């Protein structure tokens, strides 16, 4: 089968996507497929060649990529600023149409908010993961929290503020401190700040707004950080995340050795069952398909399980959580990628 792996893009999570994409491509080649990997943002001079030759691995840097430099690079290659606002490189859609399946290894931005999925639907292109509506809903932290709340899932109290209307006074009045401030539609902890003092709040709001989106602030709930993936209609074993320093930010997520991850998590069976049920409920309520991963906080002193968010395209890097959860039930990385492809073909 000819499979196109789409990665990169003009997203703060670009490096994470490239790391996921290169690993996915290698796994699919191992399974006997012919694969091409394409950066969705960069122009193609010709259609890519599907091959079974090894693809060099990419790794995520400690810091977010310089997207302004990337824009400038594409303008320089084109020799013109014409079309500089385009999110998809020229020739990329044609490359997608040439594949039997497009494996979406994108994270954040139009790769995860439903825009790309809607475009591929318009061309009848088969792709992995959830449909555009589910992606759009899950990527919006305000809407997704409202939906899961209606399903009886507990979530931290929150407020949402539009760009240009950020108010530290409102955060302090309605939530108090400590609190967590984040962009409404980014992943990989991009733009996220844990605010413990009033002096930190202004900078945290500015950092979240820098992503060009509305901002959400929510009460901080301390406890054990747990995550549960869904594959098909099956919840995978939970995984516990314990950063060696600070909170589970961009660096701690993608740099080897920065976080201790335990799967299955060392928790009572009753809590494991609650986590799996909540993850499946969120997956279904948000209209997702094939696979996802939901994140939670568990506070032991009052037995409170708090939903954080659901990822529609979970990370597939060497340090990512979903592959570890799958491995715990005997699904190795190549088989996991193959399973995701099979679900795409069944849709």
C-alpha atoms as a PDB file:
ATOM      1  CA  UNK A   1       0.000   0.000   0.000  1.00  0.00           C
ATOM      2  CA  UNK A   2       1.226   3.555  -0.766  1.00  0.00           C
ATOM      3  CA  UNK A   3       0.963   5.647   2.403  1.00  0.00           C
ATOM      4  CA  UNK A   4       1.710   9.358   2.647  1.00  0.00           C
ATOM      5  CA  UNK A   5       2.750  10.555   6.108  1.00  0.00           C
ATOM      6  CA  UNK A   6       1.870  14.235   6.558  1.00  0.00           C
ATOM      7  CA  UNK A   7       3.935  16.002   9.193  1.00  0.00           C
ATOM      8  CA  UNK A   8       5.473  19.371  10.053  1.00  0.00           C
ATOM      9  CA  UNK A   9       3.274  22.326   9.239  1.00  0.00           C
ATOM     10  CA  UNK A  10       3.179  25.885  10.522  1.00  0.00           C
ATOM     11  CA  UNK A  11       2.442  24.956  14.119  1.00  0.00           C
ATOM     12  CA  UNK A  12       4.287  25.465  17.416  1.00  0.00           C
ATOM     13  CA  UNK A  13       4.196  21.662  17.607  1.00  0.00           C
ATOM     14  CA  UNK A  14       5.986  21.289  14.262  1.00  0.00           C
ATOM     15  CA  UNK A  15       9.067  19.526  15.634  1.00  0.00           C
ATOM     16  CA  UNK A  16       6.930  17.090  17.601  1.00  0.00           C
ATOM     17  CA  UNK A  17       5.029  16.278  14.415  1.00  0.00           C
ATOM     18  CA  UNK A  18       8.207  15.662  12.417  1.00  0.00           C
ATOM     19  CA  UNK A  19       9.477  13.359  15.162  1.00  0.00           C
ATOM     20  CA  UNK A  20       6.189  11.438  15.165  1.00  0.00           C
ATOM     21  CA  UNK A  21       6.077  11.355  11.374  1.00  0.00           C
ATOM     22  CA  UNK A  22       9.535   9.908  10.865  1.00  0.00           C
ATOM     23  CA  UNK A  23       8.904   7.162  13.406  1.00  0.00           C
ATOM     24  CA  UNK A  24       5.491   6.337  11.882  1.00  0.00           C
ATOM     25  CA  UNK A  25       6.986   6.214   8.387  1.00  0.00           C
ATOM     26  CA  UNK A  26       9.722   3.808   9.474  1.00  0.00           C
ATOM     27  CA  UNK A  27       7.188   1.585  11.243  1.00  0.00           C
ATOM     28  CA  UNK A  28       4.930   1.397   8.193  1.00  0.00           C
ATOM     29  CA  UNK A  29       7.907   0.525   5.978  1.00  0.00           C
ATOM     30  CA  UNK A  30       8.723  -2.251   8.455  1.00  0.00           C
ATOM     31  CA  UNK A  31       5.164  -3.525   7.954  1.00  0.00           C
ATOM     32  CA  UNK A  32       5.766  -3.813   4.214  1.00  0.00           C
ATOM     33  CA  UNK A  33       4.226  -0.562   2.926  1.00  0.00           C
ATOM     34  CA  UNK A  34       5.701   1.946   0.511  1.00  0.00           C
ATOM     35  CA  UNK A  35       5.852   5.308   2.240  1.00  0.00           C
ATOM     36  CA  UNK A  36       6.559   8.957   1.527  1.00  0.00           C
ATOM     37  CA  UNK A  37       6.809  11.633   4.206  1.00  0.00           C
ATOM     38  CA  UNK A  38       5.852  15.207   3.320  1.00  0.00           C
ATOM     39  CA  UNK A  39       6.000  18.495   5.230  1.00  0.00           C
ATOM     40  CA  UNK A  40       2.482  19.865   4.774  1.00  0.00           C
ATOM     41  CA  UNK A  41       3.713  23.475   4.806  1.00  0.00           C
ATOM     42  CA  UNK A  42       6.509  23.282   2.252  1.00  0.00           C
ATOM     43  CA  UNK A  43       6.014  23.291  -1.541  1.00  0.00           C
ATOM     44  CA  UNK A  44       6.599  20.165  -3.616  1.00  0.00           C
ATOM     45  CA  UNK A  45       8.277  20.488  -6.985  1.00  0.00           C
ATOM     46  CA  UNK A  46       7.009  17.061  -7.994  1.00  0.00           C
ATOM     47  CA  UNK A  47       5.000  14.203  -6.562  1.00  0.00           C
ATOM     48  CA  UNK A  48       6.879  12.309  -3.844  1.00  0.00           C
ATOM     49  CA  UNK A  49       8.183   8.823  -4.539  1.00  0.00           C
ATOM     50  CA  UNK A  50       6.681   6.089  -2.391  1.00  0.00           C
ATOM     51  CA  UNK A  51       9.490   3.854  -1.240  1.00  0.00           C
ATOM     52  CA  UNK A  52      10.487   1.166   1.231  1.00  0.00           C
ATOM     53  CA  UNK A  53      13.825   2.830   1.860  1.00  0.00           C
ATOM     54  CA  UNK A  54      14.571   3.912   5.460  1.00  0.00           C
ATOM     55  CA  UNK A  55      13.554   7.421   6.510  1.00  0.00           C
ATOM     56  CA  UNK A  56      16.005   9.296   8.787  1.00  0.00           C
ATOM     57  CA  UNK A  57      14.611   9.948  12.287  1.00  0.00           C
ATOM     58  CA  UNK A  58      13.725  13.465  13.421  1.00  0.00           C
ATOM     59  CA  UNK A  59      13.805  14.623  17.025  1.00  0.00           C
ATOM     60  CA  UNK A  60      11.930  17.352  18.874  1.00  0.00           C
ATOM     61  CA  UNK A  61      14.073  20.241  20.108  1.00  0.00           C
ATOM     62  CA  UNK A  62      13.872  21.468  23.699  1.00  0.00           C
ATOM     63  CA  UNK A  63      12.150  24.679  22.605  1.00  0.00           C
ATOM     64  CA  UNK A  64       9.392  25.561  20.154  1.00  0.00           C
ATOM     65  CA  UNK A  65      10.390  26.119  16.505  1.00  0.00           C
ATOM     66  CA  UNK A  66      10.928  29.543  14.951  1.00  0.00           C
ATOM     67  CA  UNK A  67       7.859  29.811  12.727  1.00  0.00           C
ATOM     68  CA  UNK A  68       8.811  33.254  11.410  1.00  0.00           C
ATOM     69  CA  UNK A  69      12.049  31.768  10.079  1.00  0.00           C
ATOM     70  CA  UNK A  70      10.058  28.965   8.446  1.00  0.00           C
ATOM     71  CA  UNK A  71       7.747  31.462   6.724  1.00  0.00           C
ATOM     72  CA  UNK A  72      10.774  33.390   5.493  1.00  0.00           C
ATOM     73  CA  UNK A  73      12.360  30.189   4.173  1.00  0.00           C
ATOM     74  CA  UNK A  74       9.323  29.331   2.060  1.00  0.00           C
ATOM     75  CA  UNK A  75       9.066  32.893   0.724  1.00  0.00           C
ATOM     76  CA  UNK A  76      12.744  32.757  -0.243  1.00  0.00           C
ATOM     77  CA  UNK A  77      12.283  29.432  -2.027  1.00  0.00           C
ATOM     78  CA  UNK A  78       9.287  30.799  -3.931  1.00  0.00           C
ATOM     79  CA  UNK A  79      11.045  34.054  -4.694  1.00  0.00           C
ATOM     80  CA  UNK A  80       7.846  35.924  -3.896  1.00  0.00           C
ATOM     81  CA  UNK A  81       5.503  36.710  -0.988  1.00  0.00           C
ATOM     82  CA  UNK A  82       2.522  35.685  -3.093  1.00  0.00           C
ATOM     83  CA  UNK A  83       0.450  33.155  -1.162  1.00  0.00           C
ATOM     84  CA  UNK A  84       2.486  33.677   2.003  1.00  0.00           C
ATOM     85  CA  UNK A  85      -0.611  33.104   4.128  1.00  0.00           C
ATOM     86  CA  UNK A  86      -1.219  29.626   2.715  1.00  0.00           C
ATOM     87  CA  UNK A  87      -1.035  26.881   5.343  1.00  0.00           C
ATOM     88  CA  UNK A  88      -0.561  24.064   2.829  1.00  0.00           C
ATOM     89  CA  UNK A  89       2.364  23.896   0.452  1.00  0.00           C
ATOM     90  CA  UNK A  90       1.805  23.781  -3.287  1.00  0.00           C
ATOM     91  CA  UNK A  91       1.522  20.247  -4.594  1.00  0.00           C
ATOM     92  CA  UNK A  92       0.739  18.728  -1.192  1.00  0.00           C
ATOM     93  CA  UNK A  93      -2.922  17.993  -1.969  1.00  0.00           C
ATOM     94  CA  UNK A  94      -1.892  16.291  -5.227  1.00  0.00           C
ATOM     95  CA  UNK A  95       0.528  14.159  -3.220  1.00  0.00           C
ATOM     96  CA  UNK A  96      -2.299  13.180  -0.869  1.00  0.00           C
ATOM     97  CA  UNK A  97      -4.497  12.194  -3.811  1.00  0.00           C
ATOM     98  CA  UNK A  98      -1.736   9.915  -5.099  1.00  0.00           C
ATOM     99  CA  UNK A  99      -1.696   7.880  -1.866  1.00  0.00           C
ATOM    100  CA  UNK A 100      -3.939   5.014  -0.799  1.00  0.00           C
ATOM    101  CA  UNK A 101      -4.034   6.444   2.725  1.00  0.00           C
ATOM    102  CA  UNK A 102      -2.772   9.657   4.302  1.00  0.00           C
ATOM    103  CA  UNK A 103      -1.409   9.126   7.805  1.00  0.00           C
ATOM    104  CA  UNK A 104      -1.840  12.392   9.732  1.00  0.00           C
ATOM    105  CA  UNK A 105       1.177  12.839  11.979  1.00  0.00           C
ATOM    106  CA  UNK A 106       0.379  16.511  12.537  1.00  0.00           C
ATOM    107  CA  UNK A 107       0.034  18.164  15.930  1.00  0.00           C
ATOM    108  CA  UNK A 108      -1.710  21.440  16.638  1.00  0.00           C
ATOM    109  CA  UNK A 109      -2.896  24.078  14.199  1.00  0.00           C
ATOM    110  CA  UNK A 110      -4.890  23.185  11.111  1.00  0.00           C
ATOM    111  CA  UNK A 111      -3.666  19.583  11.291  1.00  0.00           C
ATOM    112  CA  UNK A 112      -5.570  18.913  14.484  1.00  0.00           C
ATOM    113  CA  UNK A 113      -8.393  21.467  14.552  1.00  0.00           C
ATOM    114  CA  UNK A 114     -10.391  19.926  11.710  1.00  0.00           C
ATOM    115  CA  UNK A 115      -9.396  22.269   8.864  1.00  0.00           C
ATOM    116  CA  UNK A 116      -7.166  19.784   7.066  1.00  0.00           C
ATOM    117  CA  UNK A 117      -9.587  16.927   7.668  1.00  0.00           C
ATOM    118  CA  UNK A 118     -12.400  18.945   6.058  1.00  0.00           C
ATOM    119  CA  UNK A 119     -10.202  19.681   3.035  1.00  0.00           C
ATOM    120  CA  UNK A 120      -9.285  16.015   2.604  1.00  0.00           C
ATOM    121  CA  UNK A 121     -12.964  15.082   2.859  1.00  0.00           C
ATOM    122  CA  UNK A 122     -13.723  17.456  -0.009  1.00  0.00           C
ATOM    123  CA  UNK A 123     -11.325  15.481  -2.227  1.00  0.00           C
ATOM    124  CA  UNK A 124     -12.452  12.071  -0.998  1.00  0.00           C
ATOM    125  CA  UNK A 125      -8.989  11.360   0.394  1.00  0.00           C
ATOM    126  CA  UNK A 126      -8.716   8.583   2.982  1.00  0.00           C
ATOM    127  CA  UNK A 127      -6.915   9.742   6.137  1.00  0.00           C
ATOM    128  CA  UNK A 128      -6.234   8.481   9.639  1.00  0.00           C
ATOM    129  CA  UNK A 129      -7.851   9.671  12.839  1.00  0.00           C
ATOM    130  CA  UNK A 130     -11.050  11.507  13.638  1.00  0.00           C
ATOM    131  CA  UNK A 131     -13.338  13.427  11.249  1.00  0.00           C
ATOM    132  CA  UNK A 132     -13.199  17.196  11.004  1.00  0.00           C
ATOM    133  CA  UNK A 133     -16.113  17.904  13.369  1.00  0.00           C
ATOM    134  CA  UNK A 134     -14.682  15.847  16.210  1.00  0.00           C
ATOM    135  CA  UNK A 135     -11.255  17.414  15.747  1.00  0.00           C
ATOM    136  CA  UNK A 136     -12.688  20.934  15.809  1.00  0.00           C
ATOM    137  CA  UNK A 137     -14.679  20.279  18.970  1.00  0.00           C
ATOM    138  CA  UNK A 138     -11.897  18.506  20.865  1.00  0.00           C
ATOM    139  CA  UNK A 139      -9.289  21.140  19.983  1.00  0.00           C
ATOM    140  CA  UNK A 140     -11.400  23.890  21.552  1.00  0.00           C
ATOM    141  CA  UNK A 141     -10.799  23.473  25.279  1.00  0.00           C
ATOM    142  CA  UNK A 142     -13.867  25.510  26.217  1.00  0.00           C
ATOM    143  CA  UNK A 143     -16.321  23.578  24.022  1.00  0.00           C
ATOM    144  CA  UNK A 144     -14.834  20.183  24.843  1.00  0.00           C
ATOM    145  CA  UNK A 145     -15.029  20.833  28.589  1.00  0.00           C
ATOM    146  CA  UNK A 146     -18.685  21.830  28.243  1.00  0.00           C
ATOM    147  CA  UNK A 147     -19.445  18.609  26.361  1.00  0.00           C
ATOM    148  CA  UNK A 148     -17.748  16.257  28.815  1.00  0.00           C
ATOM    149  CA  UNK A 149     -19.368  18.064  31.736  1.00  0.00           C
ATOM    150  CA  UNK A 150     -22.755  17.195  30.250  1.00  0.00           C
ATOM    151  CA  UNK A 151     -21.647  13.556  30.300  1.00  0.00           C
ATOM    152  CA  UNK A 152     -21.046  13.724  34.048  1.00  0.00           C
ATOM    153  CA  UNK A 153     -17.254  13.991  33.859  1.00  0.00           C
ATOM    154  CA  UNK A 154     -15.697  16.331  36.418  1.00  0.00           C
ATOM    155  CA  UNK A 155     -13.428  19.104  35.151  1.00  0.00           C
ATOM    156  CA  UNK A 156     -11.648  22.026  36.775  1.00  0.00           C
ATOM    157  CA  UNK A 157     -13.555  25.310  37.011  1.00  0.00           C
ATOM    158  CA  UNK A 158     -12.579  27.610  34.144  1.00  0.00           C
ATOM    159  CA  UNK A 159     -13.156  30.898  32.403  1.00  0.00           C
ATOM    160  CA  UNK A 160     -12.577  31.792  28.755  1.00  0.00           C
ATOM    161  CA  UNK A 161     -11.377  35.187  27.540  1.00  0.00           C
ATOM    162  CA  UNK A 162     -11.139  36.447  23.972  1.00  0.00           C
ATOM    163  CA  UNK A 163      -7.939  37.983  22.648  1.00  0.00           C
ATOM    164  CA  UNK A 164      -7.701  41.617  23.619  1.00  0.00           C
ATOM    165  CA  UNK A 165     -10.038  41.083  26.567  1.00  0.00           C
ATOM    166  CA  UNK A 166      -7.665  39.346  28.952  1.00  0.00           C
ATOM    167  CA  UNK A 167      -8.231  40.336  32.552  1.00  0.00           C
ATOM    168  CA  UNK A 168      -5.978  39.369  35.427  1.00  0.00           C
ATOM    169  CA  UNK A 169      -8.546  40.846  37.809  1.00  0.00           C
ATOM    170  CA  UNK A 170     -11.231  38.524  36.445  1.00  0.00           C
ATOM    171  CA  UNK A 171      -8.988  35.480  36.872  1.00  0.00           C
ATOM    172  CA  UNK A 172      -8.233  36.431  40.463  1.00  0.00           C
ATOM    173  CA  UNK A 173     -11.873  37.205  41.242  1.00  0.00           C
ATOM    174  CA  UNK A 174     -13.452  34.111  39.656  1.00  0.00           C
ATOM    175  CA  UNK A 175     -10.732  31.484  40.090  1.00  0.00           C
ATOM    176  CA  UNK A 176      -8.088  32.713  42.484  1.00  0.00           C
ATOM    177  CA  UNK A 177      -4.585  31.267  42.679  1.00  0.00           C
ATOM    178  CA  UNK A 178      -2.950  28.971  41.867  1.00  0.00           C
ATOM    179  CA  UNK A 179      -4.372  28.565  38.389  1.00  0.00           C
ATOM    180  CA  UNK A 180      -3.356  27.309  34.949  1.00  0.00           C
ATOM    181  CA  UNK A 181      -3.411  29.623  31.916  1.00  0.00           C
ATOM    182  CA  UNK A 182      -3.342  28.222  28.386  1.00  0.00           C
ATOM    183  CA  UNK A 183      -4.351  28.970  24.776  1.00  0.00           C
ATOM    184  CA  UNK A 184      -7.769  27.601  23.940  1.00  0.00           C
ATOM    185  CA  UNK A 185      -6.573  25.482  21.024  1.00  0.00           C
ATOM    186  CA  UNK A 186      -2.923  24.427  21.355  1.00  0.00           C
ATOM    187  CA  UNK A 187      -1.396  21.140  22.460  1.00  0.00           C
ATOM    188  CA  UNK A 188       1.945  19.863  23.774  1.00  0.00           C
ATOM    189  CA  UNK A 189       1.692  22.392  26.647  1.00  0.00           C
ATOM    190  CA  UNK A 190       2.564  25.199  24.211  1.00  0.00           C
ATOM    191  CA  UNK A 191       1.756  28.545  25.841  1.00  0.00           C
ATOM    192  CA  UNK A 192       0.753  26.896  29.138  1.00  0.00           C
ATOM    193  CA  UNK A 193       1.733  28.441  32.472  1.00  0.00           C
ATOM    194  CA  UNK A 194       1.183  27.362  36.051  1.00  0.00           C
ATOM    195  CA  UNK A 195       0.546  30.597  37.951  1.00  0.00           C
ATOM    196  CA  UNK A 196       1.166  30.570  41.701  1.00  0.00           C
ATOM    197  CA  UNK A 197       1.534  34.282  42.456  1.00  0.00           C
ATOM    198  CA  UNK A 198      -0.244  37.416  41.287  1.00  0.00           C
ATOM    199  CA  UNK A 199       3.016  38.787  39.868  1.00  0.00           C
ATOM    200  CA  UNK A 200       3.219  35.826  37.431  1.00  0.00           C
ATOM    201  CA  UNK A 201      -0.304  36.203  36.053  1.00  0.00           C
ATOM    202  CA  UNK A 202       0.227  39.021  33.552  1.00  0.00           C
ATOM    203  CA  UNK A 203       3.141  37.286  31.845  1.00  0.00           C
ATOM    204  CA  UNK A 204       1.193  34.022  31.720  1.00  0.00           C
ATOM    205  CA  UNK A 205      -1.751  35.693  29.984  1.00  0.00           C
ATOM    206  CA  UNK A 206       0.604  37.334  27.481  1.00  0.00           C
ATOM    207  CA  UNK A 207       2.316  34.006  26.781  1.00  0.00           C
ATOM    208  CA  UNK A 208      -0.993  32.261  26.118  1.00  0.00           C
ATOM    209  CA  UNK A 209      -2.245  35.122  23.913  1.00  0.00           C
ATOM    210  CA  UNK A 210       0.965  34.920  21.875  1.00  0.00           C
ATOM    211  CA  UNK A 211      -0.463  31.806  20.215  1.00  0.00           C
ATOM    212  CA  UNK A 212      -3.061  34.022  18.515  1.00  0.00           C
ATOM    213  CA  UNK A 213      -6.101  32.475  20.160  1.00  0.00           C
ATOM    214  CA  UNK A 214      -8.594  33.006  22.940  1.00  0.00           C
ATOM    215  CA  UNK A 215      -7.250  32.115  26.376  1.00  0.00           C
ATOM    216  CA  UNK A 216      -8.595  29.758  29.003  1.00  0.00           C
ATOM    217  CA  UNK A 217      -7.758  29.940  32.705  1.00  0.00           C
ATOM    218  CA  UNK A 218      -8.719  27.132  35.049  1.00  0.00           C
ATOM    219  CA  UNK A 219      -8.352  26.302  38.697  1.00  0.00           C
ATOM    220  CA  UNK A 220      -5.220  24.374  39.540  1.00  0.00           C
ATOM    221  CA  UNK A 221      -5.985  20.892  40.824  1.00  0.00           C
ATOM    222  CA  UNK A 222      -2.935  19.239  42.291  1.00  0.00           C
ATOM    223  CA  UNK A 223      -2.584  15.483  42.196  1.00  0.00           C
ATOM    224  CA  UNK A 224      -1.385  12.545  40.157  1.00  0.00           C
ATOM    225  CA  UNK A 225      -1.305  13.117  36.408  1.00  0.00           C
ATOM    226  CA  UNK A 226      -2.785  10.202  34.480  1.00  0.00           C
ATOM    227  CA  UNK A 227      -3.608   9.555  30.850  1.00  0.00           C
ATOM    228  CA  UNK A 228      -5.656   6.905  29.044  1.00  0.00           C
ATOM    229  CA  UNK A 229      -5.643   6.173  25.331  1.00  0.00           C
ATOM    230  CA  UNK A 230      -8.475   4.772  23.256  1.00  0.00           C
ATOM    231  CA  UNK A 231      -7.829   2.479  20.301  1.00  0.00           C
ATOM    232  CA  UNK A 232     -10.947   1.582  18.369  1.00  0.00           C
ATOM    233  CA  UNK A 233     -13.574   1.019  21.037  1.00  0.00           C
ATOM    234  CA  UNK A 234     -11.065  -0.144  23.620  1.00  0.00           C
ATOM    235  CA  UNK A 235      -9.547   1.873  26.432  1.00  0.00           C
ATOM    236  CA  UNK A 236      -5.860   1.110  26.914  1.00  0.00           C
ATOM    237  CA  UNK A 237      -4.148   0.839  30.317  1.00  0.00           C
ATOM    238  CA  UNK A 238      -3.559   4.105  32.142  1.00  0.00           C
ATOM    239  CA  UNK A 239      -0.154   5.748  32.336  1.00  0.00           C
ATOM    240  CA  UNK A 240       1.104   7.987  35.138  1.00  0.00           C
ATOM    241  CA  UNK A 241       3.314  10.979  34.316  1.00  0.00           C
ATOM    242  CA  UNK A 242       5.790  12.345  36.858  1.00  0.00           C
ATOM    243  CA  UNK A 243       8.086  15.137  35.583  1.00  0.00           C
ATOM    244  CA  UNK A 244      11.480  15.160  37.284  1.00  0.00           C
ATOM    245  CA  UNK A 245      11.248  18.934  37.588  1.00  0.00           C
ATOM    246  CA  UNK A 246       8.477  21.505  37.106  1.00  0.00           C
ATOM    247  CA  UNK A 247       5.210  20.527  35.435  1.00  0.00           C
ATOM    248  CA  UNK A 248       4.555  18.472  32.305  1.00  0.00           C
ATOM    249  CA  UNK A 249       5.601  21.187  29.849  1.00  0.00           C
ATOM    250  CA  UNK A 250       6.951  21.034  26.285  1.00  0.00           C
ATOM    251  CA  UNK A 251      10.484  20.077  27.339  1.00  0.00           C
ATOM    252  CA  UNK A 252       9.391  17.446  29.846  1.00  0.00           C
ATOM    253  CA  UNK A 253       7.097  15.862  27.255  1.00  0.00           C
ATOM    254  CA  UNK A 254       9.606  15.404  24.463  1.00  0.00           C
ATOM    255  CA  UNK A 255      13.094  15.180  25.952  1.00  0.00           C
ATOM    256  CA  UNK A 256      14.090  11.689  27.005  1.00  0.00           C
ATOM    257  CA  UNK A 257      14.746  11.291  30.714  1.00  0.00           C
ATOM    258  CA  UNK A 258      12.843  14.407  31.818  1.00  0.00           C
ATOM    259  CA  UNK A 259       9.768  12.490  32.972  1.00  0.00           C
ATOM    260  CA  UNK A 260       9.092   9.194  34.718  1.00  0.00           C
ATOM    261  CA  UNK A 261       6.201   7.368  33.021  1.00  0.00           C
ATOM    262  CA  UNK A 262       4.627   4.249  34.475  1.00  0.00           C
ATOM    263  CA  UNK A 263       2.192   2.024  32.607  1.00  0.00           C
ATOM    264  CA  UNK A 264       0.025   0.493  33.775  1.00  0.00           C
ATOM    265  CA  UNK A 265      -0.188   3.153  36.460  1.00  0.00           C
ATOM    266  CA  UNK A 266       0.164   1.907  40.019  1.00  0.00           C
ATOM    267  CA  UNK A 267      -3.414   2.693  41.047  1.00  0.00           C
ATOM    268  CA  UNK A 268      -6.334   0.729  42.537  1.00  0.00           C
ATOM    269  CA  UNK A 269      -8.449  -1.292  40.076  1.00  0.00           C
ATOM    270  CA  UNK A 270     -11.508   0.857  40.827  1.00  0.00           C
ATOM    271  CA  UNK A 271      -9.662   4.019  39.793  1.00  0.00           C
ATOM    272  CA  UNK A 272      -8.322   2.294  36.660  1.00  0.00           C
ATOM    273  CA  UNK A 273     -11.888   1.424  35.708  1.00  0.00           C
ATOM    274  CA  UNK A 274     -13.080   4.996  36.296  1.00  0.00           C
ATOM    275  CA  UNK A 275     -10.287   6.347  34.109  1.00  0.00           C
ATOM    276  CA  UNK A 276     -11.013   3.964  31.256  1.00  0.00           C
ATOM    277  CA  UNK A 277     -14.747   4.672  31.373  1.00  0.00           C
ATOM    278  CA  UNK A 278     -14.184   8.441  31.434  1.00  0.00           C
ATOM    279  CA  UNK A 279     -11.747   8.251  28.514  1.00  0.00           C
ATOM    280  CA  UNK A 280     -14.178   6.201  26.420  1.00  0.00           C
ATOM    281  CA  UNK A 281     -17.038   8.536  27.330  1.00  0.00           C
ATOM    282  CA  UNK A 282     -15.043  11.606  26.274  1.00  0.00           C
ATOM    283  CA  UNK A 283     -13.940   9.906  23.040  1.00  0.00           C
ATOM    284  CA  UNK A 284     -17.533   9.126  22.085  1.00  0.00           C
ATOM    285  CA  UNK A 285     -19.080  12.381  23.286  1.00  0.00           C
ATOM    286  CA  UNK A 286     -16.600  14.441  21.260  1.00  0.00           C
ATOM    287  CA  UNK A 287     -17.349  12.429  18.112  1.00  0.00           C
ATOM    288  CA  UNK A 288     -13.876  10.919  17.738  1.00  0.00           C
ATOM    289  CA  UNK A 289     -12.789   7.893  15.743  1.00  0.00           C
ATOM    290  CA  UNK A 290     -10.046   5.253  15.708  1.00  0.00           C
ATOM    291  CA  UNK A 291      -7.836   6.629  18.476  1.00  0.00           C
ATOM    292  CA  UNK A 292      -7.419   9.418  21.002  1.00  0.00           C
ATOM    293  CA  UNK A 293      -5.869  10.069  24.406  1.00  0.00           C
ATOM    294  CA  UNK A 294      -7.483  11.815  27.373  1.00  0.00           C
ATOM    295  CA  UNK A 295      -5.601  13.375  30.272  1.00  0.00           C
ATOM    296  CA  UNK A 296      -6.701  13.554  33.908  1.00  0.00           C
ATOM    297  CA  UNK A 297      -5.630  14.637  37.385  1.00  0.00           C
ATOM    298  CA  UNK A 298      -6.447  12.443  40.370  1.00  0.00           C
ATOM    299  CA  UNK A 299      -6.540  14.080  43.809  1.00  0.00           C
ATOM    300  CA  UNK A 300      -6.297  11.355  46.407  1.00  0.00           C
ATOM    301  CA  UNK A 301      -7.426  13.304  49.484  1.00  0.00           C
ATOM    302  CA  UNK A 302     -10.986  13.677  48.180  1.00  0.00           C
ATOM    303  CA  UNK A 303     -10.991  10.931  45.516  1.00  0.00           C
ATOM    304  CA  UNK A 304     -11.539  13.547  42.791  1.00  0.00           C
ATOM    305  CA  UNK A 305     -10.851  12.576  39.169  1.00  0.00           C
ATOM    306  CA  UNK A 306     -10.570  15.698  36.994  1.00  0.00           C
ATOM    307  CA  UNK A 307     -10.648  15.703  33.189  1.00  0.00           C
ATOM    308  CA  UNK A 308      -8.097  17.973  31.489  1.00  0.00           C
ATOM    309  CA  UNK A 309      -8.414  17.459  27.715  1.00  0.00           C
ATOM    310  CA  UNK A 310      -8.547  14.969  24.856  1.00  0.00           C
ATOM    311  CA  UNK A 311      -5.948  14.703  22.099  1.00  0.00           C
ATOM    312  CA  UNK A 312      -7.301  13.629  18.710  1.00  0.00           C
ATOM    313  CA  UNK A 313      -3.852  12.986  17.209  1.00  0.00           C
ATOM    314  CA  UNK A 314      -1.822  11.725  20.169  1.00  0.00           C
ATOM    315  CA  UNK A 315       1.925  12.067  19.968  1.00  0.00           C
ATOM    316  CA  UNK A 316       3.792   9.161  18.388  1.00  0.00           C
ATOM    317  CA  UNK A 317       7.347  10.239  19.226  1.00  0.00           C
ATOM    318  CA  UNK A 318       9.840   7.930  20.985  1.00  0.00           C
ATOM    319  CA  UNK A 319       8.733   9.419  24.347  1.00  0.00           C
ATOM    320  CA  UNK A 320       4.971   9.606  23.670  1.00  0.00           C
ATOM    321  CA  UNK A 321       2.344   8.070  25.925  1.00  0.00           C
ATOM    322  CA  UNK A 322      -0.037   6.225  23.595  1.00  0.00           C
ATOM    323  CA  UNK A 323       2.618   3.844  22.193  1.00  0.00           C
ATOM    324  CA  UNK A 324       3.641   2.949  25.752  1.00  0.00           C
ATOM    325  CA  UNK A 325       0.035   2.187  26.678  1.00  0.00           C
ATOM    326  CA  UNK A 326      -0.405   0.031  23.563  1.00  0.00           C
ATOM    327  CA  UNK A 327       2.822  -1.844  24.325  1.00  0.00           C
ATOM    328  CA  UNK A 328       1.444  -2.683  27.775  1.00  0.00           C
ATOM    329  CA  UNK A 329      -1.237  -4.836  26.097  1.00  0.00           C
ATOM    330  CA  UNK A 330       1.131  -6.406  23.582  1.00  0.00           C
ATOM    331  CA  UNK A 331       0.672  -3.995  20.658  1.00  0.00           C
ATOM    332  CA  UNK A 332       4.109  -2.943  19.427  1.00  0.00           C
ATOM    333  CA  UNK A 333       4.720   0.338  17.616  1.00  0.00           C
ATOM    334  CA  UNK A 334       4.504  -0.961  14.009  1.00  0.00           C
ATOM    335  CA  UNK A 335       1.302  -2.862  14.825  1.00  0.00           C
ATOM    336  CA  UNK A 336      -0.169   0.275  16.428  1.00  0.00           C
ATOM    337  CA  UNK A 337       0.495   2.265  13.245  1.00  0.00           C
ATOM    338  CA  UNK A 338      -0.938  -0.539  11.116  1.00  0.00           C
ATOM    339  CA  UNK A 339      -4.072  -0.624  13.288  1.00  0.00           C
ATOM    340  CA  UNK A 340      -4.611   3.113  12.848  1.00  0.00           C
ATOM    341  CA  UNK A 341      -4.327   2.668   9.063  1.00  0.00           C
ATOM    342  CA  UNK A 342      -6.830  -0.198   9.090  1.00  0.00           C
ATOM    343  CA  UNK A 343      -9.371   1.961  10.905  1.00  0.00           C
ATOM    344  CA  UNK A 344      -8.930   4.665   8.246  1.00  0.00           C
ATOM    345  CA  UNK A 345      -9.732   2.150   5.511  1.00  0.00           C
ATOM    346  CA  UNK A 346     -12.867   0.965   7.362  1.00  0.00           C
ATOM    347  CA  UNK A 347     -14.398   4.435   7.778  1.00  0.00           C
END
